[in-house]
Structure formats: C-alpha cells, structure tokens
Amino acid sequence: MADNAISEQMPSVSDDGRTYMTYEQFGRRFFEVAVTEDRIGSAFASVAGESFQVGPLLVGPGGVARVEADVSIAEPRIRRNVAETITFVVELPLKIALLVDLKLDRIRYDVTGLVTLPLTVRCAEPLQLRIEVAKPRPRDVIVDVSSDTMRGSIIRTIAQVDDEIRRVIAKFVADEVDKPEIKKARLIDVDVELGRAFEGM
C-alpha cells in the first residue's frame, strides 16, 4: 500500500515535459536500445571475411572420393525479433570452392551455403546483458551444390559430400563463436559501463 501511495504522489511528467516511466518500463526500454542489430553485427564482425579449408576428407563407401574445399564467410545478415524476449537470427553466407577427386577424375563445384545462428538476449547477476548463441549443428548449415553434369550430381550424392561439408562447417563456426573476442562482445557489464559514464562527467 505504501508503495502505491508514493507512486500516486509522484508526477507523471517532469518540469521540462518529459514523461516519467516505471523502473520496469525503463529496464525493458534499456534492453531494446542497448541490444540492436548493429551491436550484434559488431560482435560477429571478426567472423566476416574469415576463410578456412576443409579436408582432404575421404568420403563415401570405402572412401571412394577425396574431398577438399576452400570456404569463406561473407558479411552476416541479422534480424531482430522483439517480443517477451529479444531474439536474433544471424545468417552467415558462405562461398565454397569444392573439389571431389575420384582418382580417375576430378570434379569441381560452385557452392553457396548459409549458416543460421539463433541468439537470445538474457539478463544476469550482478547487472549484465548476455547474448546467448546456440552453437550450429550440421542441420543448421545449408549447402547448395551445383554441377554442370548429371554424373557430378550422382557422384556428390553417393559420396555424401554435402553431409561432410555441413559437419565441418558447423564445427568451424561453433569454434569461432567461442573465440574470446566474440564472447567478450556478447557480454555487456552494465554496472561497469555506468561507472565509466559517471567518471567521465
């Protein structure tokens, strides 16, 4: 009752015309302003432009094919959803130069791909914003392999090339997400940042 009485006595508008809000409203608004697409983009900036090699891998029945690939990650695409919780979807476009070596023949593929990372914004003690990332699994990696020949498509299917590429890419991206610089960018110590702001006043 006492709290209600105090809140009823407090003005709803400041002397300069600003509308007051509750602590709960302020906290929610702070979340929405503090964690934006740009903030998430900066957290994953170090991933964009990364390149790595896959293989050589022996795939298919009896290791019928030897697979190698050069993979590069393009600029991430980010979507935010503001609901009861604030979530993001980070899409990492991939460009892959794929070579399947059958000993008697070598087939090259032009490959595009996509890794999808779901993110959730959480709050934690003492006063932190945490951006939690679900590490990708092979099923979260889309690989679109195109070949100019029917034979190339059949070989790709028999050798299970797509499955192996998805598995390796998922592991690489999971390791990248665990890098110290990305972990640091996914954590906002609000009390520390406020302390710095007051020190600079």
C-alpha atoms as a PDB file:
ATOM      1  CA  MET A   1       0.000   0.000   0.000  1.00  0.00           C
ATOM      2  CA  ALA A   2       2.803   2.403   0.921  1.00  0.00           C
ATOM      3  CA  ASP A   3       4.487   1.908  -2.447  1.00  0.00           C
ATOM      4  CA  ASN A   4       1.228   2.559  -4.262  1.00  0.00           C
ATOM      5  CA  ALA A   5       0.671   5.725  -2.268  1.00  0.00           C
ATOM      6  CA  ILE A   6       4.149   7.005  -3.110  1.00  0.00           C
ATOM      7  CA  SER A   7       3.726   6.253  -6.828  1.00  0.00           C
ATOM      8  CA  GLU A   8       0.379   8.078  -6.862  1.00  0.00           C
ATOM      9  CA  GLN A   9       2.029  11.175  -5.380  1.00  0.00           C
ATOM     10  CA  MET A  10       4.864  11.209  -7.923  1.00  0.00           C
ATOM     11  CA  PRO A  11       4.280  13.390 -11.000  1.00  0.00           C
ATOM     12  CA  SER A  12       3.949  11.617 -14.362  1.00  0.00           C
ATOM     13  CA  VAL A  13       5.639  14.449 -16.267  1.00  0.00           C
ATOM     14  CA  SER A  14       8.903  16.240 -15.432  1.00  0.00           C
ATOM     15  CA  ASP A  15       9.343  20.006 -15.279  1.00  0.00           C
ATOM     16  CA  ASP A  16      10.789  20.018 -18.802  1.00  0.00           C
ATOM     17  CA  GLY A  17       7.898  17.998 -20.222  1.00  0.00           C
ATOM     18  CA  ARG A  18       9.489  14.554 -20.180  1.00  0.00           C
ATOM     19  CA  THR A  19       7.180  11.641 -19.407  1.00  0.00           C
ATOM     20  CA  TYR A  20       8.277   9.511 -16.480  1.00  0.00           C
ATOM     21  CA  MET A  21       8.192   5.732 -16.615  1.00  0.00           C
ATOM     22  CA  THR A  22       8.389   2.918 -14.097  1.00  0.00           C
ATOM     23  CA  TYR A  23      11.618   1.111 -13.335  1.00  0.00           C
ATOM     24  CA  GLU A  24      10.217  -1.926 -15.135  1.00  0.00           C
ATOM     25  CA  GLN A  25       9.397   0.141 -18.226  1.00  0.00           C
ATOM     26  CA  PHE A  26      12.861   1.703 -18.142  1.00  0.00           C
ATOM     27  CA  GLY A  27      14.509  -1.712 -17.915  1.00  0.00           C
ATOM     28  CA  ARG A  28      12.588  -3.005 -20.902  1.00  0.00           C
ATOM     29  CA  ARG A  29      13.319   0.107 -22.966  1.00  0.00           C
ATOM     30  CA  PHE A  30      17.001  -0.109 -21.997  1.00  0.00           C
ATOM     31  CA  PHE A  31      17.151  -3.677 -23.281  1.00  0.00           C
ATOM     32  CA  GLU A  32      15.645  -2.713 -26.616  1.00  0.00           C
ATOM     33  CA  VAL A  33      18.014   0.229 -27.099  1.00  0.00           C
ATOM     34  CA  ALA A  34      21.168  -1.485 -25.815  1.00  0.00           C
ATOM     35  CA  VAL A  35      20.936  -4.660 -27.910  1.00  0.00           C
ATOM     36  CA  THR A  36      20.394  -3.817 -31.573  1.00  0.00           C
ATOM     37  CA  GLU A  37      21.252  -5.305 -34.946  1.00  0.00           C
ATOM     38  CA  ASP A  38      24.343  -3.060 -35.038  1.00  0.00           C
ATOM     39  CA  ARG A  39      25.502  -4.330 -31.661  1.00  0.00           C
ATOM     40  CA  ILE A  40      25.105  -7.942 -32.781  1.00  0.00           C
ATOM     41  CA  GLY A  41      26.807  -7.122 -36.063  1.00  0.00           C
ATOM     42  CA  SER A  42      29.843  -5.724 -34.240  1.00  0.00           C
ATOM     43  CA  ALA A  43      30.023  -8.877 -32.112  1.00  0.00           C
ATOM     44  CA  PHE A  44      30.301 -11.012 -35.251  1.00  0.00           C
ATOM     45  CA  ALA A  45      32.430  -8.593 -37.289  1.00  0.00           C
ATOM     46  CA  SER A  46      35.549 -10.719 -36.814  1.00  0.00           C
ATOM     47  CA  VAL A  47      33.816 -13.725 -38.399  1.00  0.00           C
ATOM     48  CA  ALA A  48      33.042 -11.917 -41.660  1.00  0.00           C
ATOM     49  CA  GLY A  49      35.837 -12.414 -44.164  1.00  0.00           C
ATOM     50  CA  GLU A  50      37.171 -15.493 -42.393  1.00  0.00           C
ATOM     51  CA  SER A  51      38.265 -18.320 -44.662  1.00  0.00           C
ATOM     52  CA  PHE A  52      39.300 -21.885 -43.957  1.00  0.00           C
ATOM     53  CA  GLN A  53      39.982 -25.168 -45.685  1.00  0.00           C
ATOM     54  CA  VAL A  54      38.060 -28.404 -45.413  1.00  0.00           C
ATOM     55  CA  GLY A  55      39.869 -31.665 -45.960  1.00  0.00           C
ATOM     56  CA  PRO A  56      41.184 -33.522 -47.634  1.00  0.00           C
ATOM     57  CA  LEU A  57      38.411 -35.861 -46.500  1.00  0.00           C
ATOM     58  CA  LEU A  58      37.812 -39.428 -47.645  1.00  0.00           C
ATOM     59  CA  VAL A  59      34.058 -39.804 -48.081  1.00  0.00           C
ATOM     60  CA  GLY A  60      31.551 -42.248 -49.469  1.00  0.00           C
ATOM     61  CA  PRO A  61      31.572 -46.078 -49.429  1.00  0.00           C
ATOM     62  CA  GLY A  62      35.134 -47.279 -48.917  1.00  0.00           C
ATOM     63  CA  GLY A  63      36.440 -43.718 -49.154  1.00  0.00           C
ATOM     64  CA  VAL A  64      35.547 -43.596 -52.842  1.00  0.00           C
ATOM     65  CA  ALA A  65      36.156 -39.848 -53.088  1.00  0.00           C
ATOM     66  CA  ARG A  66      38.688 -37.372 -51.738  1.00  0.00           C
ATOM     67  CA  VAL A  67      37.109 -34.021 -50.965  1.00  0.00           C
ATOM     68  CA  GLU A  68      38.721 -30.622 -50.481  1.00  0.00           C
ATOM     69  CA  ALA A  69      37.051 -27.233 -50.086  1.00  0.00           C
ATOM     70  CA  ASP A  70      38.002 -23.593 -49.587  1.00  0.00           C
ATOM     71  CA  VAL A  71      35.307 -21.837 -47.538  1.00  0.00           C
ATOM     72  CA  SER A  72      34.889 -18.099 -46.997  1.00  0.00           C
ATOM     73  CA  ILE A  73      32.309 -16.353 -44.794  1.00  0.00           C
ATOM     74  CA  ALA A  74      30.607 -13.207 -46.101  1.00  0.00           C
ATOM     75  CA  GLU A  75      29.093 -10.295 -44.158  1.00  0.00           C
ATOM     76  CA  PRO A  76      26.433 -11.547 -41.717  1.00  0.00           C
ATOM     77  CA  ARG A  77      22.755 -10.757 -42.151  1.00  0.00           C
ATOM     78  CA  ILE A  78      20.913 -10.044 -38.901  1.00  0.00           C
ATOM     79  CA  ARG A  79      17.220  -9.999 -37.999  1.00  0.00           C
ATOM     80  CA  ARG A  80      15.838  -8.932 -34.622  1.00  0.00           C
ATOM     81  CA  ASN A  81      12.541 -10.015 -33.062  1.00  0.00           C
ATOM     82  CA  VAL A  82      11.251  -8.019 -30.099  1.00  0.00           C
ATOM     83  CA  ALA A  83       8.670  -9.991 -28.120  1.00  0.00           C
ATOM     84  CA  GLU A  84       8.580 -11.163 -24.495  1.00  0.00           C
ATOM     85  CA  THR A  85      12.261 -11.917 -25.031  1.00  0.00           C
ATOM     86  CA  ILE A  86      14.535 -10.247 -27.576  1.00  0.00           C
ATOM     87  CA  THR A  87      15.937 -12.725 -30.065  1.00  0.00           C
ATOM     88  CA  PHE A  88      18.048 -12.515 -33.192  1.00  0.00           C
ATOM     89  CA  VAL A  89      18.779 -14.681 -36.180  1.00  0.00           C
ATOM     90  CA  VAL A  90      22.290 -14.297 -37.583  1.00  0.00           C
ATOM     91  CA  GLU A  91      22.806 -15.663 -41.087  1.00  0.00           C
ATOM     92  CA  LEU A  92      26.372 -16.253 -42.279  1.00  0.00           C
ATOM     93  CA  PRO A  93      26.514 -16.583 -46.094  1.00  0.00           C
ATOM     94  CA  LEU A  94      29.189 -18.970 -47.388  1.00  0.00           C
ATOM     95  CA  LYS A  95      31.155 -19.274 -50.603  1.00  0.00           C
ATOM     96  CA  ILE A  96      32.755 -22.677 -51.130  1.00  0.00           C
ATOM     97  CA  ALA A  97      35.165 -23.875 -53.798  1.00  0.00           C
ATOM     98  CA  LEU A  98      34.688 -27.649 -53.723  1.00  0.00           C
ATOM     99  CA  LEU A  99      36.823 -30.322 -55.381  1.00  0.00           C
ATOM    100  CA  VAL A 100      35.888 -34.017 -55.492  1.00  0.00           C
ATOM    101  CA  ASP A 101      38.811 -36.226 -56.521  1.00  0.00           C
ATOM    102  CA  LEU A 102      37.896 -39.720 -57.766  1.00  0.00           C
ATOM    103  CA  LYS A 103      41.490 -40.627 -58.646  1.00  0.00           C
ATOM    104  CA  LEU A 104      40.496 -41.087 -62.283  1.00  0.00           C
ATOM    105  CA  ASP A 105      38.530 -37.873 -62.449  1.00  0.00           C
ATOM    106  CA  ARG A 106      38.345 -34.529 -60.624  1.00  0.00           C
ATOM    107  CA  ILE A 107      35.068 -32.633 -60.435  1.00  0.00           C
ATOM    108  CA  ARG A 108      34.770 -29.021 -59.296  1.00  0.00           C
ATOM    109  CA  TYR A 109      31.612 -27.483 -57.888  1.00  0.00           C
ATOM    110  CA  ASP A 110      30.403 -23.925 -57.393  1.00  0.00           C
ATOM    111  CA  VAL A 111      28.908 -23.911 -53.939  1.00  0.00           C
ATOM    112  CA  THR A 112      26.957 -21.421 -51.881  1.00  0.00           C
ATOM    113  CA  GLY A 113      25.890 -22.021 -48.315  1.00  0.00           C
ATOM    114  CA  LEU A 114      24.323 -20.499 -45.246  1.00  0.00           C
ATOM    115  CA  VAL A 115      24.808 -20.971 -41.505  1.00  0.00           C
ATOM    116  CA  THR A 116      21.935 -19.889 -39.264  1.00  0.00           C
ATOM    117  CA  LEU A 117      22.624 -18.884 -35.645  1.00  0.00           C
ATOM    118  CA  PRO A 118      19.738 -18.149 -33.248  1.00  0.00           C
ATOM    119  CA  LEU A 119      20.570 -15.698 -30.430  1.00  0.00           C
ATOM    120  CA  THR A 120      18.712 -14.794 -27.233  1.00  0.00           C
ATOM    121  CA  VAL A 121      19.320 -11.757 -25.010  1.00  0.00           C
ATOM    122  CA  ARG A 122      19.298 -12.539 -21.282  1.00  0.00           C
ATOM    123  CA  CYS A 123      19.986 -10.591 -18.088  1.00  0.00           C
ATOM    124  CA  ALA A 124      22.199 -11.941 -15.304  1.00  0.00           C
ATOM    125  CA  GLU A 125      23.630 -11.009 -11.927  1.00  0.00           C
ATOM    126  CA  PRO A 126      25.015  -8.647 -10.851  1.00  0.00           C
ATOM    127  CA  LEU A 127      23.905  -6.399 -13.718  1.00  0.00           C
ATOM    128  CA  GLN A 128      24.749  -7.904 -17.093  1.00  0.00           C
ATOM    129  CA  LEU A 129      23.263  -8.300 -20.536  1.00  0.00           C
ATOM    130  CA  ARG A 130      24.249 -11.618 -22.078  1.00  0.00           C
ATOM    131  CA  ILE A 131      23.797 -12.555 -25.717  1.00  0.00           C
ATOM    132  CA  GLU A 132      23.497 -16.326 -25.793  1.00  0.00           C
ATOM    133  CA  VAL A 133      24.266 -18.182 -29.022  1.00  0.00           C
ATOM    134  CA  ALA A 134      23.024 -21.635 -29.923  1.00  0.00           C
ATOM    135  CA  LYS A 135      26.019 -23.352 -31.498  1.00  0.00           C
ATOM    136  CA  PRO A 136      25.273 -24.580 -35.012  1.00  0.00           C
ATOM    137  CA  ARG A 137      24.719 -28.220 -35.789  1.00  0.00           C
ATOM    138  CA  PRO A 138      25.148 -29.751 -39.238  1.00  0.00           C
ATOM    139  CA  ARG A 139      21.419 -29.410 -39.865  1.00  0.00           C
ATOM    140  CA  ASP A 140      21.754 -25.632 -39.338  1.00  0.00           C
ATOM    141  CA  VAL A 141      24.105 -25.442 -42.336  1.00  0.00           C
ATOM    142  CA  ILE A 142      22.598 -25.228 -45.815  1.00  0.00           C
ATOM    143  CA  VAL A 143      24.868 -26.216 -48.707  1.00  0.00           C
ATOM    144  CA  ASP A 144      23.653 -25.608 -52.256  1.00  0.00           C
ATOM    145  CA  VAL A 145      25.946 -27.527 -54.576  1.00  0.00           C
ATOM    146  CA  SER A 146      25.516 -27.096 -58.308  1.00  0.00           C
ATOM    147  CA  SER A 147      27.163 -29.200 -61.010  1.00  0.00           C
ATOM    148  CA  ASP A 148      27.061 -28.873 -64.749  1.00  0.00           C
ATOM    149  CA  THR A 149      26.803 -32.633 -65.254  1.00  0.00           C
ATOM    150  CA  MET A 150      24.403 -35.365 -64.182  1.00  0.00           C
ATOM    151  CA  ARG A 151      27.427 -37.515 -63.373  1.00  0.00           C
ATOM    152  CA  GLY A 152      28.705 -34.889 -60.987  1.00  0.00           C
ATOM    153  CA  SER A 153      25.371 -34.785 -59.152  1.00  0.00           C
ATOM    154  CA  ILE A 154      25.249 -38.574 -58.813  1.00  0.00           C
ATOM    155  CA  ILE A 155      28.825 -38.719 -57.511  1.00  0.00           C
ATOM    156  CA  ARG A 156      28.078 -35.991 -54.983  1.00  0.00           C
ATOM    157  CA  THR A 157      25.100 -37.964 -53.659  1.00  0.00           C
ATOM    158  CA  ILE A 158      26.928 -41.300 -53.484  1.00  0.00           C
ATOM    159  CA  ALA A 159      29.947 -39.794 -51.769  1.00  0.00           C
ATOM    160  CA  GLN A 160      27.768 -37.953 -49.208  1.00  0.00           C
ATOM    161  CA  VAL A 161      29.774 -34.804 -49.867  1.00  0.00           C
ATOM    162  CA  ASP A 162      27.065 -32.444 -48.603  1.00  0.00           C
ATOM    163  CA  ASP A 163      26.868 -34.161 -45.197  1.00  0.00           C
ATOM    164  CA  GLU A 164      30.619 -33.970 -44.642  1.00  0.00           C
ATOM    165  CA  ILE A 165      30.821 -30.319 -45.674  1.00  0.00           C
ATOM    166  CA  ARG A 166      27.954 -29.392 -43.329  1.00  0.00           C
ATOM    167  CA  ARG A 167      29.584 -31.211 -40.434  1.00  0.00           C
ATOM    168  CA  VAL A 168      32.956 -29.482 -40.836  1.00  0.00           C
ATOM    169  CA  ILE A 169      31.453 -26.020 -41.373  1.00  0.00           C
ATOM    170  CA  ALA A 170      29.225 -26.364 -38.291  1.00  0.00           C
ATOM    171  CA  LYS A 171      32.244 -27.229 -36.158  1.00  0.00           C
ATOM    172  CA  PHE A 172      34.313 -24.346 -37.534  1.00  0.00           C
ATOM    173  CA  VAL A 173      31.593 -21.760 -36.867  1.00  0.00           C
ATOM    174  CA  ALA A 174      30.965 -23.190 -33.378  1.00  0.00           C
ATOM    175  CA  ASP A 175      34.677 -22.761 -32.614  1.00  0.00           C
ATOM    176  CA  GLU A 176      34.610 -19.182 -33.977  1.00  0.00           C
ATOM    177  CA  VAL A 177      31.664 -18.270 -31.730  1.00  0.00           C
ATOM    178  CA  ASP A 178      33.705 -19.479 -28.753  1.00  0.00           C
ATOM    179  CA  LYS A 179      36.646 -17.167 -29.515  1.00  0.00           C
ATOM    180  CA  PRO A 180      37.449 -14.752 -26.639  1.00  0.00           C
ATOM    181  CA  GLU A 181      36.791 -11.588 -28.666  1.00  0.00           C
ATOM    182  CA  ILE A 182      33.321 -12.751 -29.669  1.00  0.00           C
ATOM    183  CA  LYS A 183      32.488 -13.950 -26.155  1.00  0.00           C
ATOM    184  CA  LYS A 184      33.546 -10.550 -24.813  1.00  0.00           C
ATOM    185  CA  ALA A 185      31.395  -8.705 -27.361  1.00  0.00           C
ATOM    186  CA  ARG A 186      28.389 -10.809 -26.326  1.00  0.00           C
ATOM    187  CA  LEU A 187      28.608  -9.633 -22.713  1.00  0.00           C
ATOM    188  CA  ILE A 188      27.682  -6.130 -21.530  1.00  0.00           C
ATOM    189  CA  ASP A 189      28.597  -5.300 -17.922  1.00  0.00           C
ATOM    190  CA  VAL A 190      26.072  -2.542 -17.293  1.00  0.00           C
ATOM    191  CA  ASP A 191      27.443  -1.587 -13.870  1.00  0.00           C
ATOM    192  CA  VAL A 192      30.957  -1.209 -15.314  1.00  0.00           C
ATOM    193  CA  GLU A 193      29.717   0.878 -18.245  1.00  0.00           C
ATOM    194  CA  LEU A 194      27.670   3.125 -15.942  1.00  0.00           C
ATOM    195  CA  GLY A 195      30.705   3.610 -13.721  1.00  0.00           C
ATOM    196  CA  ARG A 196      32.742   4.766 -16.704  1.00  0.00           C
ATOM    197  CA  ALA A 197      29.983   7.112 -17.806  1.00  0.00           C
ATOM    198  CA  PHE A 198      29.807   8.795 -14.379  1.00  0.00           C
ATOM    199  CA  GLU A 199      33.598   9.056 -14.180  1.00  0.00           C
ATOM    200  CA  GLY A 200      33.610  10.991 -17.434  1.00  0.00           C
ATOM    201  CA  MET A 201      31.048  13.528 -16.249  1.00  0.00           C
END
